Amino acid sequence: LKDILPFLIPSENNPSYLYTRNDAIREAIHMGSYSIPFICHIFQVNPNGIALSIIFCTILFFVSELLRLSDIRFPIISQITEAAATGEERWEFALSPVFFALSIAISLTLFSPEIGYTAIAILTLGDGTARFVGKKWGRHTIPHNRVKKIEGTIAGIAVASVASIIFTSPLNAVTVST
């Protein structure tokens, strides 16, 4: 019960808000995914091929999660999942990585490079930065969401804006990052 309560009743003094090794690994994966649109843009790599690779890896991850819930370890993927899992993902199906990967694959295939790459930059670097800064240095909560911090949100918007400028105009980057 002691492990479940922090997720039900968030508070400033709650130890679950400490930045852990799992958080760092999770954010490294999250923010490292910015390399996908960057590589596609700079080296003119076919985004459809990358999206297909992402979908294949997502299917492997899905199978690995089903096996993990049955106490069967899938080589490499289970180790990465255990190292990056936070909160209830440690004992439940980790669905967030599936949505994350599919969001990137959809952005690569359904939208123009300008829109898709910008969306991925915001998702990877903006969201990753917001979570990192909010958990590590956030002191002021957002009124409608006590878990999120104003400092993290501002940092996420700033980093997403800068990261998006490579794919779109500065005005568009700032506008869509907010």
C-alpha atoms as a PDB file:
ATOM      1  CA  LEU A   1       0.000   0.000   0.000  1.00  0.00           C
ATOM      2  CA  LYS A   2       2.885   2.335   0.765  1.00  0.00           C
ATOM      3  CA  ASP A   3       4.022   2.091  -2.898  1.00  0.00           C
ATOM      4  CA  ILE A   4       0.542   2.739  -4.289  1.00  0.00           C
ATOM      5  CA  LEU A   5      -0.486   5.728  -2.169  1.00  0.00           C
ATOM      6  CA  PRO A   6       2.055   8.162  -3.662  1.00  0.00           C
ATOM      7  CA  PHE A   7       0.387   7.752  -7.048  1.00  0.00           C
ATOM      8  CA  LEU A   8      -3.075   8.317  -5.632  1.00  0.00           C
ATOM      9  CA  ILE A   9      -2.232  11.246  -3.372  1.00  0.00           C
ATOM     10  CA  PRO A  10       0.513  13.436  -4.851  1.00  0.00           C
ATOM     11  CA  SER A  11       2.294  15.813  -2.486  1.00  0.00           C
ATOM     12  CA  GLU A  12       5.361  18.037  -2.445  1.00  0.00           C
ATOM     13  CA  ASN A  13       7.110  15.885   0.175  1.00  0.00           C
ATOM     14  CA  ASN A  14       6.384  12.648  -1.610  1.00  0.00           C
ATOM     15  CA  PRO A  15       9.554  10.609  -2.301  1.00  0.00           C
ATOM     16  CA  SER A  16       8.090   9.424  -5.636  1.00  0.00           C
ATOM     17  CA  TYR A  17       8.865  12.904  -6.964  1.00  0.00           C
ATOM     18  CA  LEU A  18      12.606  12.395  -6.533  1.00  0.00           C
ATOM     19  CA  TYR A  19      14.455  12.040  -9.803  1.00  0.00           C
ATOM     20  CA  THR A  20      15.571   8.414 -10.037  1.00  0.00           C
ATOM     21  CA  ARG A  21      17.893   6.384 -12.239  1.00  0.00           C
ATOM     22  CA  ASN A  22      14.790   5.007 -13.977  1.00  0.00           C
ATOM     23  CA  ASP A  23      13.656   8.570 -14.690  1.00  0.00           C
ATOM     24  CA  ALA A  24      17.053   9.383 -16.216  1.00  0.00           C
ATOM     25  CA  ILE A  25      17.011   6.302 -18.454  1.00  0.00           C
ATOM     26  CA  ARG A  26      13.421   6.990 -19.483  1.00  0.00           C
ATOM     27  CA  GLU A  27      14.227  10.611 -20.393  1.00  0.00           C
ATOM     28  CA  ALA A  28      17.366   9.580 -22.279  1.00  0.00           C
ATOM     29  CA  ILE A  29      15.217   7.310 -24.465  1.00  0.00           C
ATOM     30  CA  HIS A  30      12.510   9.970 -24.741  1.00  0.00           C
ATOM     31  CA  MET A  31      14.820  12.843 -25.608  1.00  0.00           C
ATOM     32  CA  GLY A  32      17.144  10.691 -27.698  1.00  0.00           C
ATOM     33  CA  SER A  33      14.235  10.044 -30.031  1.00  0.00           C
ATOM     34  CA  TYR A  34      14.743  13.592 -31.328  1.00  0.00           C
ATOM     35  CA  SER A  35      17.491  12.011 -33.433  1.00  0.00           C
ATOM     36  CA  ILE A  36      14.796  10.412 -35.623  1.00  0.00           C
ATOM     37  CA  PRO A  37      13.477  13.575 -37.330  1.00  0.00           C
ATOM     38  CA  PHE A  38      16.948  15.150 -37.124  1.00  0.00           C
ATOM     39  CA  ILE A  39      18.524  12.251 -39.063  1.00  0.00           C
ATOM     40  CA  CYS A  40      15.630  12.137 -41.531  1.00  0.00           C
ATOM     41  CA  HIS A  41      15.935  15.877 -42.156  1.00  0.00           C
ATOM     42  CA  ILE A  42      19.729  16.240 -42.298  1.00  0.00           C
ATOM     43  CA  PHE A  43      20.557  13.000 -44.138  1.00  0.00           C
ATOM     44  CA  GLN A  44      17.361  12.808 -46.206  1.00  0.00           C
ATOM     45  CA  VAL A  45      16.465   9.372 -44.823  1.00  0.00           C
ATOM     46  CA  ASN A  46      13.099   8.007 -45.933  1.00  0.00           C
ATOM     47  CA  PRO A  47      10.709   8.621 -42.999  1.00  0.00           C
ATOM     48  CA  ASN A  48       8.450   5.741 -44.102  1.00  0.00           C
ATOM     49  CA  GLY A  49      11.287   3.248 -43.629  1.00  0.00           C
ATOM     50  CA  ILE A  50      12.012   4.644 -40.178  1.00  0.00           C
ATOM     51  CA  ALA A  51       8.292   4.502 -39.301  1.00  0.00           C
ATOM     52  CA  LEU A  52       8.164   0.850 -40.380  1.00  0.00           C
ATOM     53  CA  SER A  53      11.179   0.088 -38.163  1.00  0.00           C
ATOM     54  CA  ILE A  54       9.477   1.852 -35.247  1.00  0.00           C
ATOM     55  CA  ILE A  55       6.295  -0.169 -35.744  1.00  0.00           C
ATOM     56  CA  PHE A  56       8.307  -3.410 -35.850  1.00  0.00           C
ATOM     57  CA  CYS A  57      10.097  -2.478 -32.606  1.00  0.00           C
ATOM     58  CA  THR A  58       6.763  -1.529 -31.043  1.00  0.00           C
ATOM     59  CA  ILE A  59       5.357  -4.965 -31.866  1.00  0.00           C
ATOM     60  CA  LEU A  60       8.427  -6.572 -30.258  1.00  0.00           C
ATOM     61  CA  PHE A  61       7.956  -4.360 -27.207  1.00  0.00           C
ATOM     62  CA  PHE A  62       4.262  -5.290 -27.000  1.00  0.00           C
ATOM     63  CA  VAL A  63       5.113  -9.004 -27.068  1.00  0.00           C
ATOM     64  CA  SER A  64       7.844  -8.443 -24.502  1.00  0.00           C
ATOM     65  CA  GLU A  65       5.369  -6.709 -22.169  1.00  0.00           C
ATOM     66  CA  LEU A  66       2.894  -9.577 -22.469  1.00  0.00           C
ATOM     67  CA  LEU A  67       5.689 -11.993 -21.603  1.00  0.00           C
ATOM     68  CA  ARG A  68       6.931  -9.785 -18.737  1.00  0.00           C
ATOM     69  CA  LEU A  69       3.483  -9.859 -17.156  1.00  0.00           C
ATOM     70  CA  SER A  70       3.765 -13.665 -17.215  1.00  0.00           C
ATOM     71  CA  ASP A  71       7.206 -13.473 -15.581  1.00  0.00           C
ATOM     72  CA  ILE A  72       8.974 -14.388 -18.823  1.00  0.00           C
ATOM     73  CA  ARG A  73      11.868 -12.139 -19.795  1.00  0.00           C
ATOM     74  CA  PHE A  74      12.335 -11.094 -23.419  1.00  0.00           C
ATOM     75  CA  PRO A  75      16.067 -10.587 -24.080  1.00  0.00           C
ATOM     76  CA  ILE A  76      17.247  -6.961 -24.050  1.00  0.00           C
ATOM     77  CA  ILE A  77      13.775  -5.381 -24.259  1.00  0.00           C
ATOM     78  CA  SER A  78      12.718  -6.571 -20.789  1.00  0.00           C
ATOM     79  CA  GLN A  79      15.945  -5.214 -19.328  1.00  0.00           C
ATOM     80  CA  ILE A  80      15.408  -1.819 -20.945  1.00  0.00           C
ATOM     81  CA  THR A  81      11.779  -1.752 -19.795  1.00  0.00           C
ATOM     82  CA  GLU A  82      12.724  -2.584 -16.211  1.00  0.00           C
ATOM     83  CA  ALA A  83      15.424   0.087 -16.250  1.00  0.00           C
ATOM     84  CA  ALA A  84      13.087   2.778 -17.639  1.00  0.00           C
ATOM     85  CA  ALA A  85       9.775   1.865 -15.971  1.00  0.00           C
ATOM     86  CA  THR A  86       8.361   4.317 -13.479  1.00  0.00           C
ATOM     87  CA  GLY A  87       5.270   4.296 -11.320  1.00  0.00           C
ATOM     88  CA  GLU A  88       2.711   1.643 -12.013  1.00  0.00           C
ATOM     89  CA  GLU A  89       4.582   0.527 -15.147  1.00  0.00           C
ATOM     90  CA  ARG A  90       6.770  -1.537 -12.848  1.00  0.00           C
ATOM     91  CA  TRP A  91       3.923  -3.996 -12.215  1.00  0.00           C
ATOM     92  CA  GLU A  92       1.447  -3.266 -15.036  1.00  0.00           C
ATOM     93  CA  PHE A  93       1.630  -3.258 -18.820  1.00  0.00           C
ATOM     94  CA  ALA A  94       3.790  -0.285 -19.856  1.00  0.00           C
ATOM     95  CA  LEU A  95       1.524   1.281 -22.466  1.00  0.00           C
ATOM     96  CA  SER A  96       3.148   4.741 -22.607  1.00  0.00           C
ATOM     97  CA  PRO A  97       6.064   3.557 -24.797  1.00  0.00           C
ATOM     98  CA  VAL A  98       3.571   2.120 -27.296  1.00  0.00           C
ATOM     99  CA  PHE A  99       1.734   5.445 -27.603  1.00  0.00           C
ATOM    100  CA  PHE A 100       5.048   7.299 -27.772  1.00  0.00           C
ATOM    101  CA  ALA A 101       6.381   5.119 -30.602  1.00  0.00           C
ATOM    102  CA  LEU A 102       3.117   5.160 -32.547  1.00  0.00           C
ATOM    103  CA  SER A 103       2.936   8.964 -32.228  1.00  0.00           C
ATOM    104  CA  ILE A 104       6.352   9.208 -33.846  1.00  0.00           C
ATOM    105  CA  ALA A 105       5.480   6.696 -36.583  1.00  0.00           C
ATOM    106  CA  ILE A 106       2.215   8.512 -37.367  1.00  0.00           C
ATOM    107  CA  SER A 107       3.988  11.887 -37.440  1.00  0.00           C
ATOM    108  CA  LEU A 108       6.561  10.491 -39.875  1.00  0.00           C
ATOM    109  CA  THR A 109       4.003   9.031 -42.282  1.00  0.00           C
ATOM    110  CA  LEU A 110       0.807  11.070 -42.202  1.00  0.00           C
ATOM    111  CA  PHE A 111       2.168  14.606 -42.161  1.00  0.00           C
ATOM    112  CA  SER A 112       4.537  16.690 -44.236  1.00  0.00           C
ATOM    113  CA  PRO A 113       8.117  16.655 -42.978  1.00  0.00           C
ATOM    114  CA  GLU A 114       7.759  20.192 -41.602  1.00  0.00           C
ATOM    115  CA  ILE A 115       4.729  19.296 -39.487  1.00  0.00           C
ATOM    116  CA  GLY A 116       5.749  15.734 -38.590  1.00  0.00           C
ATOM    117  CA  TYR A 117       9.323  16.553 -37.610  1.00  0.00           C
ATOM    118  CA  THR A 118       8.198  19.573 -35.608  1.00  0.00           C
ATOM    119  CA  ALA A 119       5.628  17.448 -33.755  1.00  0.00           C
ATOM    120  CA  ILE A 120       8.290  14.862 -32.927  1.00  0.00           C
ATOM    121  CA  ALA A 121      10.693  17.567 -31.714  1.00  0.00           C
ATOM    122  CA  ILE A 122       8.016  18.895 -29.376  1.00  0.00           C
ATOM    123  CA  LEU A 123       7.086  15.403 -28.149  1.00  0.00           C
ATOM    124  CA  THR A 124      10.645  14.254 -27.561  1.00  0.00           C
ATOM    125  CA  LEU A 125      12.609  17.284 -26.393  1.00  0.00           C
ATOM    126  CA  GLY A 126       9.801  19.523 -25.176  1.00  0.00           C
ATOM    127  CA  ASP A 127       7.974  16.888 -23.183  1.00  0.00           C
ATOM    128  CA  GLY A 128      11.187  15.258 -21.995  1.00  0.00           C
ATOM    129  CA  THR A 129      12.628  18.564 -20.816  1.00  0.00           C
ATOM    130  CA  ALA A 130       9.378  19.545 -19.086  1.00  0.00           C
ATOM    131  CA  ARG A 131       9.320  16.292 -17.135  1.00  0.00           C
ATOM    132  CA  PHE A 132      13.008  16.458 -16.229  1.00  0.00           C
ATOM    133  CA  VAL A 133      13.013  20.104 -15.119  1.00  0.00           C
ATOM    134  CA  GLY A 134       9.646  19.796 -13.389  1.00  0.00           C
ATOM    135  CA  LYS A 135      10.702  16.748 -11.373  1.00  0.00           C
ATOM    136  CA  LYS A 136      14.206  17.986 -10.620  1.00  0.00           C
ATOM    137  CA  TRP A 137      13.682  21.705  -9.950  1.00  0.00           C
ATOM    138  CA  GLY A 138       9.946  22.385 -10.115  1.00  0.00           C
ATOM    139  CA  ARG A 139       8.499  24.161  -7.090  1.00  0.00           C
ATOM    140  CA  HIS A 140       5.265  25.722  -8.362  1.00  0.00           C
ATOM    141  CA  THR A 141       2.416  23.419  -9.355  1.00  0.00           C
ATOM    142  CA  ILE A 142       0.028  24.064 -12.193  1.00  0.00           C
ATOM    143  CA  PRO A 143      -3.361  24.743 -10.552  1.00  0.00           C
ATOM    144  CA  HIS A 144      -5.364  22.185 -12.589  1.00  0.00           C
ATOM    145  CA  ASN A 145      -2.620  19.504 -12.471  1.00  0.00           C
ATOM    146  CA  ARG A 146      -0.791  19.198  -9.151  1.00  0.00           C
ATOM    147  CA  VAL A 147       1.780  16.772 -10.532  1.00  0.00           C
ATOM    148  CA  LYS A 148       3.075  19.148 -13.231  1.00  0.00           C
ATOM    149  CA  LYS A 149       5.269  22.117 -12.437  1.00  0.00           C
ATOM    150  CA  ILE A 150       5.303  25.585 -13.994  1.00  0.00           C
ATOM    151  CA  GLU A 151       9.120  25.545 -14.232  1.00  0.00           C
ATOM    152  CA  GLY A 152       9.011  22.318 -16.235  1.00  0.00           C
ATOM    153  CA  THR A 153       6.340  23.644 -18.565  1.00  0.00           C
ATOM    154  CA  ILE A 154       8.289  26.826 -19.309  1.00  0.00           C
ATOM    155  CA  ALA A 155      11.526  24.873 -19.897  1.00  0.00           C
ATOM    156  CA  GLY A 156       9.698  22.400 -22.143  1.00  0.00           C
ATOM    157  CA  ILE A 157       8.207  25.174 -24.266  1.00  0.00           C
ATOM    158  CA  ALA A 158      11.594  26.894 -24.607  1.00  0.00           C
ATOM    159  CA  VAL A 159      13.480  23.731 -25.585  1.00  0.00           C
ATOM    160  CA  ALA A 160      10.713  22.560 -27.946  1.00  0.00           C
ATOM    161  CA  SER A 161      10.732  25.957 -29.667  1.00  0.00           C
ATOM    162  CA  VAL A 162      14.491  25.895 -30.201  1.00  0.00           C
ATOM    163  CA  ALA A 163      14.478  22.233 -31.326  1.00  0.00           C
ATOM    164  CA  SER A 164      11.662  22.903 -33.803  1.00  0.00           C
ATOM    165  CA  ILE A 165      13.378  25.811 -35.543  1.00  0.00           C
ATOM    166  CA  ILE A 166      15.407  23.393 -37.661  1.00  0.00           C
ATOM    167  CA  PHE A 167      12.163  22.117 -39.219  1.00  0.00           C
ATOM    168  CA  THR A 168       9.936  25.210 -39.362  1.00  0.00           C
ATOM    169  CA  SER A 169      10.012  28.986 -39.016  1.00  0.00           C
ATOM    170  CA  PRO A 170      10.819  30.507 -35.617  1.00  0.00           C
ATOM    171  CA  LEU A 171       7.279  31.920 -35.330  1.00  0.00           C
ATOM    172  CA  ASN A 172       5.706  28.526 -36.078  1.00  0.00           C
ATOM    173  CA  ALA A 173       8.125  26.797 -33.692  1.00  0.00           C
ATOM    174  CA  VAL A 174       7.199  29.047 -30.787  1.00  0.00           C
ATOM    175  CA  THR A 175       3.495  29.012 -31.639  1.00  0.00           C
ATOM    176  CA  VAL A 176       3.124  25.239 -31.801  1.00  0.00           C
ATOM    177  CA  SER A 177       5.387  24.631 -28.807  1.00  0.00           C
ATOM    178  CA  THR A 178       3.128  26.621 -26.476  1.00  0.00           C
END
